[in-house]
Amino acid sequence: MSPPFDASSPLGADARVPPAAVPPAAVPPSAVAAATVRLRAAGCVFAEEEAALLAEAAASGGGDGLAALDRLVALRAAGHPLEHVVGWAEFAGLRIAVGPGVFVPRRRTEFLLALARDLLADAPGPVPAVVDLCCGSGAAAAALAASGRRAEVHAADIDPVAVGWARRNLAGAGEVHEGDLYAALPAALRGRVAVLVANVPYVPTADLPLLPTEARTHEPRVALDGGDDGLAVLRRVAAEAGEWLAPGGTLLVETTGRQADTAREVLAAAGLTPALHHDEERAATVLTGTRPA
């Protein structure tokens, strides 16, 4: 039975595999074809596209492309997320660097990002402040930094592995802080944040065993486990959001259909004005909470 939420890999239910690359010269087509057969036998739905991406990654290493491809195919066939194997995930037109031990940005989160970009575009002031809490690899912060609107971009995560990847993805584009939610942020941001993205973990603890093996085995539990009802971290984020948001500033979080009503009550109880947004194409649900101006 499918879980009542979707926390799968980008190659799961919300998949959109990047276009297949042309096999590089260092990896002959026969090797790519053989890799496709191995991946298909391992249960990879997009075996042909994945084989081409693995061949691209193998050739980019500068060494023995065939040996590298064999190693990468073995990792993927063993169940490692494709994004961890090739070293990047496609998100909002960017290649976000990822690797073992970090949460892979989901394609459905591009809906949250689209809403955040619109808010950032309309934010008052010459350089509005943007924060990406529970940032993981820093994908949302990196995409907002690349949105074309000049902004002061900050990202934070409690996981030191995630912080390392976020610093790589935000090099020169924003500041990354390590710590527990708002405790990680510079005090000077208090009351100044125009857009607060918090892609909090929202899988109920009891439902973690229902996640795809890739997520359960290769992504950090802290990025997935939302407590008894999946809203434990959201409650903590909402409770202090009003202190950090600028007047008229907005908090954005992902949620699910079954959690939406309760999550909306959480934001309202924290003094924010909630609104629910849904994207059918991406099967994405986003809740926003705005601090009254």
C-alpha atoms as a PDB file:
ATOM      1  CA  MET A   1       0.000   0.000   0.000  1.00  0.00           C
ATOM      2  CA  SER A   2       1.278   3.455  -0.861  1.00  0.00           C
ATOM      3  CA  PRO A   3       1.918   5.713   2.122  1.00  0.00           C
ATOM      4  CA  PRO A   4      -0.514   8.625   2.665  1.00  0.00           C
ATOM      5  CA  PHE A   5       2.272  11.079   1.921  1.00  0.00           C
ATOM      6  CA  ASP A   6       5.026  11.258  -0.648  1.00  0.00           C
ATOM      7  CA  ALA A   7       8.531  11.442   0.780  1.00  0.00           C
ATOM      8  CA  SER A   8      10.069   9.419  -1.984  1.00  0.00           C
ATOM      9  CA  SER A   9      13.198  10.056  -3.974  1.00  0.00           C
ATOM     10  CA  PRO A  10      12.876  12.396  -6.951  1.00  0.00           C
ATOM     11  CA  LEU A  11      12.928   9.177  -8.951  1.00  0.00           C
ATOM     12  CA  GLY A  12       9.863   7.984  -7.058  1.00  0.00           C
ATOM     13  CA  ALA A  13       6.273   9.180  -7.323  1.00  0.00           C
ATOM     14  CA  ASP A  14       7.178  12.791  -8.064  1.00  0.00           C
ATOM     15  CA  ALA A  15       9.885  11.840 -10.527  1.00  0.00           C
ATOM     16  CA  ARG A  16      11.051  13.735 -13.534  1.00  0.00           C
ATOM     17  CA  VAL A  17      14.305  12.204 -14.665  1.00  0.00           C
ATOM     18  CA  PRO A  18      16.651  14.674 -16.382  1.00  0.00           C
ATOM     19  CA  PRO A  19      16.900  14.202 -20.145  1.00  0.00           C
ATOM     20  CA  ALA A  20      19.168  11.359 -21.126  1.00  0.00           C
ATOM     21  CA  ALA A  21      22.649  12.543 -21.918  1.00  0.00           C
ATOM     22  CA  VAL A  22      24.505  11.530 -25.043  1.00  0.00           C
ATOM     23  CA  PRO A  23      26.953   8.803 -23.964  1.00  0.00           C
ATOM     24  CA  PRO A  24      30.367  10.465 -23.698  1.00  0.00           C
ATOM     25  CA  ALA A  25      33.222   9.258 -25.841  1.00  0.00           C
ATOM     26  CA  ALA A  26      35.005   7.792 -22.809  1.00  0.00           C
ATOM     27  CA  VAL A  27      32.111   5.350 -22.343  1.00  0.00           C
ATOM     28  CA  PRO A  28      31.131   3.431 -25.489  1.00  0.00           C
ATOM     29  CA  PRO A  29      27.443   2.881 -26.294  1.00  0.00           C
ATOM     30  CA  SER A  30      27.846  -0.854 -25.700  1.00  0.00           C
ATOM     31  CA  ALA A  31      28.810  -0.173 -22.074  1.00  0.00           C
ATOM     32  CA  VAL A  32      25.819   2.113 -21.617  1.00  0.00           C
ATOM     33  CA  ALA A  33      23.556  -0.577 -23.067  1.00  0.00           C
ATOM     34  CA  ALA A  34      24.994  -3.139 -20.662  1.00  0.00           C
ATOM     35  CA  ALA A  35      24.475  -0.724 -17.770  1.00  0.00           C
ATOM     36  CA  THR A  36      20.860  -0.296 -18.833  1.00  0.00           C
ATOM     37  CA  VAL A  37      20.307  -4.048 -18.651  1.00  0.00           C
ATOM     38  CA  ARG A  38      21.831  -4.209 -15.148  1.00  0.00           C
ATOM     39  CA  LEU A  39      19.746  -1.321 -13.908  1.00  0.00           C
ATOM     40  CA  ARG A  40      16.541  -2.699 -15.370  1.00  0.00           C
ATOM     41  CA  ALA A  41      17.223  -6.036 -13.700  1.00  0.00           C
ATOM     42  CA  ALA A  42      17.675  -4.161 -10.400  1.00  0.00           C
ATOM     43  CA  GLY A  43      14.216  -2.638 -10.773  1.00  0.00           C
ATOM     44  CA  CYS A  44      15.111   0.853 -11.990  1.00  0.00           C
ATOM     45  CA  VAL A  45      12.076   2.161 -13.871  1.00  0.00           C
ATOM     46  CA  PHE A  46      14.084   4.728 -15.835  1.00  0.00           C
ATOM     47  CA  ALA A  47      16.994   2.399 -16.573  1.00  0.00           C
ATOM     48  CA  GLU A  48      17.966   3.850 -19.964  1.00  0.00           C
ATOM     49  CA  GLU A  49      17.952   7.475 -18.762  1.00  0.00           C
ATOM     50  CA  GLU A  50      19.801   6.566 -15.580  1.00  0.00           C
ATOM     51  CA  ALA A  51      22.462   4.633 -17.479  1.00  0.00           C
ATOM     52  CA  ALA A  52      23.153   7.689 -19.633  1.00  0.00           C
ATOM     53  CA  LEU A  53      23.470   9.912 -16.552  1.00  0.00           C
ATOM     54  CA  LEU A  54      25.787   7.427 -14.866  1.00  0.00           C
ATOM     55  CA  ALA A  55      27.919   7.289 -18.016  1.00  0.00           C
ATOM     56  CA  GLU A  56      28.147  11.076 -18.001  1.00  0.00           C
ATOM     57  CA  ALA A  57      29.266  11.029 -14.371  1.00  0.00           C
ATOM     58  CA  ALA A  58      31.763   8.238 -15.034  1.00  0.00           C
ATOM     59  CA  ALA A  59      33.333  10.119 -17.939  1.00  0.00           C
ATOM     60  CA  SER A  60      33.602  13.371 -15.985  1.00  0.00           C
ATOM     61  CA  GLY A  61      35.952  11.794 -13.442  1.00  0.00           C
ATOM     62  CA  GLY A  62      38.872  11.911 -15.850  1.00  0.00           C
ATOM     63  CA  GLY A  63      39.978   8.345 -15.166  1.00  0.00           C
ATOM     64  CA  ASP A  64      38.953   4.969 -16.536  1.00  0.00           C
ATOM     65  CA  GLY A  65      35.391   5.635 -17.687  1.00  0.00           C
ATOM     66  CA  LEU A  66      34.448   1.964 -17.957  1.00  0.00           C
ATOM     67  CA  ALA A  67      35.668   1.126 -14.457  1.00  0.00           C
ATOM     68  CA  ALA A  68      33.947   4.206 -13.043  1.00  0.00           C
ATOM     69  CA  LEU A  69      30.692   3.304 -14.792  1.00  0.00           C
ATOM     70  CA  ASP A  70      30.823  -0.217 -13.391  1.00  0.00           C
ATOM     71  CA  ARG A  71      31.258   1.172  -9.874  1.00  0.00           C
ATOM     72  CA  LEU A  72      28.451   3.695 -10.245  1.00  0.00           C
ATOM     73  CA  VAL A  73      26.036   1.152 -11.706  1.00  0.00           C
ATOM     74  CA  ALA A  74      26.806  -1.191  -8.813  1.00  0.00           C
ATOM     75  CA  LEU A  75      25.936   1.547  -6.313  1.00  0.00           C
ATOM     76  CA  ARG A  76      22.681   2.384  -8.073  1.00  0.00           C
ATOM     77  CA  ALA A  77      21.706  -1.269  -8.449  1.00  0.00           C
ATOM     78  CA  ALA A  78      22.322  -1.700  -4.717  1.00  0.00           C
ATOM     79  CA  GLY A  79      19.699   0.945  -3.988  1.00  0.00           C
ATOM     80  CA  HIS A  80      21.671   4.146  -3.534  1.00  0.00           C
ATOM     81  CA  PRO A  81      19.740   7.228  -4.720  1.00  0.00           C
ATOM     82  CA  LEU A  82      20.702   8.154  -8.259  1.00  0.00           C
ATOM     83  CA  GLU A  83      21.347  11.724  -7.145  1.00  0.00           C
ATOM     84  CA  HIS A  84      23.851  10.583  -4.506  1.00  0.00           C
ATOM     85  CA  VAL A  85      25.592   8.395  -7.063  1.00  0.00           C
ATOM     86  CA  VAL A  86      26.014  11.072  -9.741  1.00  0.00           C
ATOM     87  CA  GLY A  87      26.613  13.829  -7.180  1.00  0.00           C
ATOM     88  CA  TRP A  88      23.814  16.225  -8.072  1.00  0.00           C
ATOM     89  CA  ALA A  89      20.059  16.692  -8.220  1.00  0.00           C
ATOM     90  CA  GLU A  90      18.187  18.808 -10.737  1.00  0.00           C
ATOM     91  CA  PHE A  91      16.096  21.450  -8.951  1.00  0.00           C
ATOM     92  CA  ALA A  92      14.510  24.557 -10.429  1.00  0.00           C
ATOM     93  CA  GLY A  93      16.910  24.521 -13.361  1.00  0.00           C
ATOM     94  CA  LEU A  94      19.988  24.177 -11.148  1.00  0.00           C
ATOM     95  CA  ARG A  95      22.315  21.277 -10.477  1.00  0.00           C
ATOM     96  CA  ILE A  96      22.349  21.035  -6.686  1.00  0.00           C
ATOM     97  CA  ALA A  97      25.350  19.155  -5.311  1.00  0.00           C
ATOM     98  CA  VAL A  98      24.312  16.237  -3.090  1.00  0.00           C
ATOM     99  CA  GLY A  99      25.927  13.104  -1.769  1.00  0.00           C
ATOM    100  CA  PRO A 100      25.678  10.358   0.854  1.00  0.00           C
ATOM    101  CA  GLY A 101      23.951  11.420   4.051  1.00  0.00           C
ATOM    102  CA  VAL A 102      22.024  14.441   2.744  1.00  0.00           C
ATOM    103  CA  PHE A 103      18.341  14.787   1.899  1.00  0.00           C
ATOM    104  CA  VAL A 104      17.715  14.893  -1.854  1.00  0.00           C
ATOM    105  CA  PRO A 105      15.580  17.903  -2.899  1.00  0.00           C
ATOM    106  CA  ARG A 106      12.210  16.788  -4.260  1.00  0.00           C
ATOM    107  CA  ARG A 107      10.863  18.047  -7.529  1.00  0.00           C
ATOM    108  CA  ARG A 108       7.474  18.800  -5.929  1.00  0.00           C
ATOM    109  CA  THR A 109       9.241  21.381  -3.742  1.00  0.00           C
ATOM    110  CA  GLU A 110       9.584  23.512  -6.882  1.00  0.00           C
ATOM    111  CA  PHE A 111       5.960  24.541  -6.199  1.00  0.00           C
ATOM    112  CA  LEU A 112       6.950  25.950  -2.804  1.00  0.00           C
ATOM    113  CA  LEU A 113       9.869  27.663  -4.495  1.00  0.00           C
ATOM    114  CA  ALA A 114       7.625  29.236  -7.132  1.00  0.00           C
ATOM    115  CA  LEU A 115       5.449  30.736  -4.402  1.00  0.00           C
ATOM    116  CA  ALA A 116       8.530  31.944  -2.528  1.00  0.00           C
ATOM    117  CA  ARG A 117       9.943  33.565  -5.673  1.00  0.00           C
ATOM    118  CA  ASP A 118       6.709  35.492  -6.208  1.00  0.00           C
ATOM    119  CA  LEU A 119       6.777  36.738  -2.626  1.00  0.00           C
ATOM    120  CA  LEU A 120      10.432  37.710  -2.927  1.00  0.00           C
ATOM    121  CA  ALA A 121       9.775  39.625  -6.138  1.00  0.00           C
ATOM    122  CA  ASP A 122       7.120  41.705  -4.348  1.00  0.00           C
ATOM    123  CA  ALA A 123       9.007  42.118  -1.068  1.00  0.00           C
ATOM    124  CA  PRO A 124       9.577  45.747  -0.052  1.00  0.00           C
ATOM    125  CA  GLY A 125      12.992  47.271   0.402  1.00  0.00           C
ATOM    126  CA  PRO A 126      16.098  47.191  -1.764  1.00  0.00           C
ATOM    127  CA  VAL A 127      17.560  43.983  -0.235  1.00  0.00           C
ATOM    128  CA  PRO A 128      14.950  41.834   1.532  1.00  0.00           C
ATOM    129  CA  ALA A 129      16.106  39.048   3.855  1.00  0.00           C
ATOM    130  CA  VAL A 130      15.393  35.430   2.934  1.00  0.00           C
ATOM    131  CA  VAL A 131      15.835  32.412   5.225  1.00  0.00           C
ATOM    132  CA  ASP A 132      15.766  28.700   4.358  1.00  0.00           C
ATOM    133  CA  LEU A 133      15.298  26.726   7.605  1.00  0.00           C
ATOM    134  CA  CYS A 134      15.803  22.951   7.630  1.00  0.00           C
ATOM    135  CA  CYS A 135      17.711  23.706   4.443  1.00  0.00           C
ATOM    136  CA  GLY A 136      19.265  20.303   3.759  1.00  0.00           C
ATOM    137  CA  SER A 137      21.480  20.774   0.709  1.00  0.00           C
ATOM    138  CA  GLY A 138      20.408  24.414   0.476  1.00  0.00           C
ATOM    139  CA  ALA A 139      18.456  23.859  -2.735  1.00  0.00           C
ATOM    140  CA  ALA A 140      15.672  26.346  -1.982  1.00  0.00           C
ATOM    141  CA  ALA A 141      18.095  29.030  -0.802  1.00  0.00           C
ATOM    142  CA  ALA A 142      20.297  28.537  -3.862  1.00  0.00           C
ATOM    143  CA  ALA A 143      17.308  28.804  -6.197  1.00  0.00           C
ATOM    144  CA  LEU A 144      16.063  31.958  -4.465  1.00  0.00           C
ATOM    145  CA  ALA A 145      19.546  33.457  -4.659  1.00  0.00           C
ATOM    146  CA  ALA A 146      19.477  32.761  -8.408  1.00  0.00           C
ATOM    147  CA  SER A 147      15.970  34.175  -8.886  1.00  0.00           C
ATOM    148  CA  GLY A 148      17.183  37.558 -10.134  1.00  0.00           C
ATOM    149  CA  ARG A 149      15.987  39.567  -7.119  1.00  0.00           C
ATOM    150  CA  ARG A 150      18.802  40.915  -5.010  1.00  0.00           C
ATOM    151  CA  ALA A 151      18.356  39.523  -1.501  1.00  0.00           C
ATOM    152  CA  GLU A 152      20.184  38.758   1.728  1.00  0.00           C
ATOM    153  CA  VAL A 153      20.058  34.947   1.718  1.00  0.00           C
ATOM    154  CA  HIS A 154      20.536  32.754   4.788  1.00  0.00           C
ATOM    155  CA  ALA A 155      20.139  28.988   5.262  1.00  0.00           C
ATOM    156  CA  ALA A 156      20.319  26.843   8.389  1.00  0.00           C
ATOM    157  CA  ASP A 157      20.210  23.190   9.369  1.00  0.00           C
ATOM    158  CA  ILE A 158      20.913  21.180  12.507  1.00  0.00           C
ATOM    159  CA  ASP A 159      22.716  18.431  10.568  1.00  0.00           C
ATOM    160  CA  PRO A 160      26.426  19.180  10.004  1.00  0.00           C
ATOM    161  CA  VAL A 161      26.469  17.004   6.880  1.00  0.00           C
ATOM    162  CA  ALA A 162      23.640  19.039   5.363  1.00  0.00           C
ATOM    163  CA  VAL A 163      25.375  22.278   6.346  1.00  0.00           C
ATOM    164  CA  GLY A 164      28.487  21.174   4.452  1.00  0.00           C
ATOM    165  CA  TRP A 165      26.515  20.556   1.267  1.00  0.00           C
ATOM    166  CA  ALA A 166      24.542  23.792   1.658  1.00  0.00           C
ATOM    167  CA  ARG A 167      27.750  25.798   1.983  1.00  0.00           C
ATOM    168  CA  ARG A 168      28.963  24.247  -1.240  1.00  0.00           C
ATOM    169  CA  ASN A 169      25.729  25.092  -3.058  1.00  0.00           C
ATOM    170  CA  LEU A 170      25.515  28.630  -1.662  1.00  0.00           C
ATOM    171  CA  ALA A 171      29.174  29.572  -1.998  1.00  0.00           C
ATOM    172  CA  GLY A 172      29.259  33.299  -2.660  1.00  0.00           C
ATOM    173  CA  ALA A 173      25.461  33.531  -2.788  1.00  0.00           C
ATOM    174  CA  GLY A 174      24.431  33.345   0.860  1.00  0.00           C
ATOM    175  CA  GLU A 175      25.368  32.461   4.427  1.00  0.00           C
ATOM    176  CA  VAL A 176      24.823  29.016   5.932  1.00  0.00           C
ATOM    177  CA  HIS A 177      24.455  28.455   9.672  1.00  0.00           C
ATOM    178  CA  GLU A 178      24.524  25.273  11.759  1.00  0.00           C
ATOM    179  CA  GLY A 179      22.121  24.884  14.641  1.00  0.00           C
ATOM    180  CA  ASP A 180      18.597  24.128  15.825  1.00  0.00           C
ATOM    181  CA  LEU A 181      16.101  26.190  13.812  1.00  0.00           C
ATOM    182  CA  TYR A 182      16.154  29.895  14.776  1.00  0.00           C
ATOM    183  CA  ALA A 183      18.972  29.402  17.275  1.00  0.00           C
ATOM    184  CA  ALA A 184      21.291  29.080  14.271  1.00  0.00           C
ATOM    185  CA  LEU A 185      20.381  32.475  12.823  1.00  0.00           C
ATOM    186  CA  PRO A 186      22.124  35.821  13.422  1.00  0.00           C
ATOM    187  CA  ALA A 187      20.139  37.917  15.905  1.00  0.00           C
ATOM    188  CA  ALA A 188      20.214  40.806  13.422  1.00  0.00           C
ATOM    189  CA  LEU A 189      17.653  38.944  11.274  1.00  0.00           C
ATOM    190  CA  ARG A 190      14.986  39.072  13.962  1.00  0.00           C
ATOM    191  CA  GLY A 191      11.951  40.941  12.650  1.00  0.00           C
ATOM    192  CA  ARG A 192      13.481  41.438   9.190  1.00  0.00           C
ATOM    193  CA  VAL A 193      12.763  38.238   7.241  1.00  0.00           C
ATOM    194  CA  ALA A 194      10.547  38.805   4.198  1.00  0.00           C
ATOM    195  CA  VAL A 195      10.431  35.172   3.018  1.00  0.00           C
ATOM    196  CA  LEU A 196      10.913  32.273   5.433  1.00  0.00           C
ATOM    197  CA  VAL A 197      11.083  28.869   3.735  1.00  0.00           C
ATOM    198  CA  ALA A 198      10.931  25.963   6.182  1.00  0.00           C
ATOM    199  CA  ASN A 199      10.715  22.616   4.433  1.00  0.00           C
ATOM    200  CA  VAL A 200      10.296  20.837   7.755  1.00  0.00           C
ATOM    201  CA  PRO A 201      10.168  17.041   8.109  1.00  0.00           C
ATOM    202  CA  TYR A 202       6.500  16.023   8.126  1.00  0.00           C
ATOM    203  CA  VAL A 203       6.401  12.221   7.988  1.00  0.00           C
ATOM    204  CA  PRO A 204       4.750  10.800  11.150  1.00  0.00           C
ATOM    205  CA  THR A 205       7.207   8.633  13.061  1.00  0.00           C
ATOM    206  CA  ALA A 206       5.009   5.547  12.764  1.00  0.00           C
ATOM    207  CA  ASP A 207       4.952   5.930   8.967  1.00  0.00           C
ATOM    208  CA  LEU A 208       8.716   6.014   8.470  1.00  0.00           C
ATOM    209  CA  PRO A 209       8.834   2.261   7.687  1.00  0.00           C
ATOM    210  CA  LEU A 210       6.487   2.934   4.737  1.00  0.00           C
ATOM    211  CA  LEU A 211       9.006   5.190   3.015  1.00  0.00           C
ATOM    212  CA  PRO A 212      10.880   3.953  -0.054  1.00  0.00           C
ATOM    213  CA  THR A 213      14.070   2.108   0.799  1.00  0.00           C
ATOM    214  CA  GLU A 214      16.198   4.871  -0.722  1.00  0.00           C
ATOM    215  CA  ALA A 215      14.852   7.404   1.759  1.00  0.00           C
ATOM    216  CA  ARG A 216      14.877   5.100   4.796  1.00  0.00           C
ATOM    217  CA  THR A 217      18.385   3.858   4.207  1.00  0.00           C
ATOM    218  CA  HIS A 218      20.276   6.742   2.659  1.00  0.00           C
ATOM    219  CA  GLU A 219      18.703   9.969   3.910  1.00  0.00           C
ATOM    220  CA  PRO A 220      19.028  11.327   7.468  1.00  0.00           C
ATOM    221  CA  ARG A 221      16.118  10.567   9.786  1.00  0.00           C
ATOM    222  CA  VAL A 222      16.214  14.129  11.101  1.00  0.00           C
ATOM    223  CA  ALA A 223      15.145  15.317   7.630  1.00  0.00           C
ATOM    224  CA  LEU A 224      12.162  12.944   7.504  1.00  0.00           C
ATOM    225  CA  ASP A 225      10.753  12.381  11.014  1.00  0.00           C
ATOM    226  CA  GLY A 226       8.034  14.873  11.929  1.00  0.00           C
ATOM    227  CA  GLY A 227       7.077  13.310  15.251  1.00  0.00           C
ATOM    228  CA  ASP A 228       3.854  11.583  16.296  1.00  0.00           C
ATOM    229  CA  ASP A 229       1.571  13.421  13.865  1.00  0.00           C
ATOM    230  CA  GLY A 230       4.242  14.762  11.527  1.00  0.00           C
ATOM    231  CA  LEU A 231       3.809  18.346  12.747  1.00  0.00           C
ATOM    232  CA  ALA A 232       6.235  18.526  15.686  1.00  0.00           C
ATOM    233  CA  VAL A 233       8.863  20.604  13.887  1.00  0.00           C
ATOM    234  CA  LEU A 234       6.230  22.766  12.210  1.00  0.00           C
ATOM    235  CA  ARG A 235       4.833  23.726  15.630  1.00  0.00           C
ATOM    236  CA  ARG A 236       8.284  24.882  16.738  1.00  0.00           C
ATOM    237  CA  VAL A 237       8.848  26.844  13.548  1.00  0.00           C
ATOM    238  CA  ALA A 238       5.423  28.508  13.703  1.00  0.00           C
ATOM    239  CA  ALA A 239       5.740  29.410  17.389  1.00  0.00           C
ATOM    240  CA  GLU A 240       8.674  31.767  16.755  1.00  0.00           C
ATOM    241  CA  ALA A 241       8.018  32.758  13.155  1.00  0.00           C
ATOM    242  CA  GLY A 242       6.293  36.009  14.107  1.00  0.00           C
ATOM    243  CA  GLU A 243       9.402  37.171  15.940  1.00  0.00           C
ATOM    244  CA  TRP A 244      11.608  36.697  12.875  1.00  0.00           C
ATOM    245  CA  LEU A 245       9.290  37.724  10.067  1.00  0.00           C
ATOM    246  CA  ALA A 246       9.111  41.332   8.993  1.00  0.00           C
ATOM    247  CA  PRO A 247       5.628  42.889   9.040  1.00  0.00           C
ATOM    248  CA  GLY A 248       3.922  41.358   6.012  1.00  0.00           C
ATOM    249  CA  GLY A 249       6.583  38.640   5.784  1.00  0.00           C
ATOM    250  CA  THR A 250       5.536  35.084   4.990  1.00  0.00           C
ATOM    251  CA  LEU A 251       6.427  31.586   6.191  1.00  0.00           C
ATOM    252  CA  LEU A 252       6.124  28.758   3.612  1.00  0.00           C
ATOM    253  CA  VAL A 253       6.022  25.037   4.489  1.00  0.00           C
ATOM    254  CA  GLU A 254       5.137  21.843   2.672  1.00  0.00           C
ATOM    255  CA  THR A 255       2.403  19.670   4.114  1.00  0.00           C
ATOM    256  CA  THR A 256       0.000  16.919   3.033  1.00  0.00           C
ATOM    257  CA  GLY A 257      -3.714  16.810   2.456  1.00  0.00           C
ATOM    258  CA  ARG A 258      -4.386  14.871   5.621  1.00  0.00           C
ATOM    259  CA  GLN A 259      -2.304  17.269   7.721  1.00  0.00           C
ATOM    260  CA  ALA A 260      -3.394  20.522   6.086  1.00  0.00           C
ATOM    261  CA  ASP A 261      -6.277  21.459   8.403  1.00  0.00           C
ATOM    262  CA  THR A 262      -4.301  20.878  11.578  1.00  0.00           C
ATOM    263  CA  ALA A 263      -1.243  22.624  10.142  1.00  0.00           C
ATOM    264  CA  ARG A 264      -3.370  25.633   9.235  1.00  0.00           C
ATOM    265  CA  GLU A 265      -4.620  25.787  12.838  1.00  0.00           C
ATOM    266  CA  VAL A 266      -1.020  25.698  14.058  1.00  0.00           C
ATOM    267  CA  LEU A 267      -0.112  28.754  11.988  1.00  0.00           C
ATOM    268  CA  ALA A 268      -3.253  30.631  12.987  1.00  0.00           C
ATOM    269  CA  ALA A 269      -2.609  29.935  16.677  1.00  0.00           C
ATOM    270  CA  ALA A 270       0.867  31.431  16.221  1.00  0.00           C
ATOM    271  CA  GLY A 271      -0.667  34.704  15.020  1.00  0.00           C
ATOM    272  CA  LEU A 272      -0.038  34.165  11.307  1.00  0.00           C
ATOM    273  CA  THR A 273      -2.632  34.463   8.574  1.00  0.00           C
ATOM    274  CA  PRO A 274      -2.702  31.027   6.898  1.00  0.00           C
ATOM    275  CA  ALA A 275      -3.447  30.141   3.281  1.00  0.00           C
ATOM    276  CA  LEU A 276      -3.382  26.764   1.575  1.00  0.00           C
ATOM    277  CA  HIS A 277      -2.028  26.236  -1.942  1.00  0.00           C
ATOM    278  CA  HIS A 278      -2.112  23.058  -4.043  1.00  0.00           C
ATOM    279  CA  ASP A 279      -0.511  22.075  -7.328  1.00  0.00           C
ATOM    280  CA  GLU A 280      -2.172  19.096  -9.009  1.00  0.00           C
ATOM    281  CA  GLU A 281       0.609  18.518 -11.520  1.00  0.00           C
ATOM    282  CA  ARG A 282       3.287  18.177  -8.841  1.00  0.00           C
ATOM    283  CA  ALA A 283       0.929  16.676  -6.226  1.00  0.00           C
ATOM    284  CA  ALA A 284       2.278  19.360  -3.893  1.00  0.00           C
ATOM    285  CA  THR A 285       0.556  21.133  -1.004  1.00  0.00           C
ATOM    286  CA  VAL A 286       2.064  24.269   0.508  1.00  0.00           C
ATOM    287  CA  LEU A 287       0.855  26.214   3.527  1.00  0.00           C
ATOM    288  CA  THR A 288       1.753  29.877   3.906  1.00  0.00           C
ATOM    289  CA  GLY A 289       1.466  32.000   7.026  1.00  0.00           C
ATOM    290  CA  THR A 290       1.825  35.765   6.824  1.00  0.00           C
ATOM    291  CA  ARG A 291       2.641  38.088   9.702  1.00  0.00           C
ATOM    292  CA  PRO A 292       0.039  40.858   9.756  1.00  0.00           C
ATOM    293  CA  ALA A 293       1.427  44.148   8.510  1.00  0.00           C
END
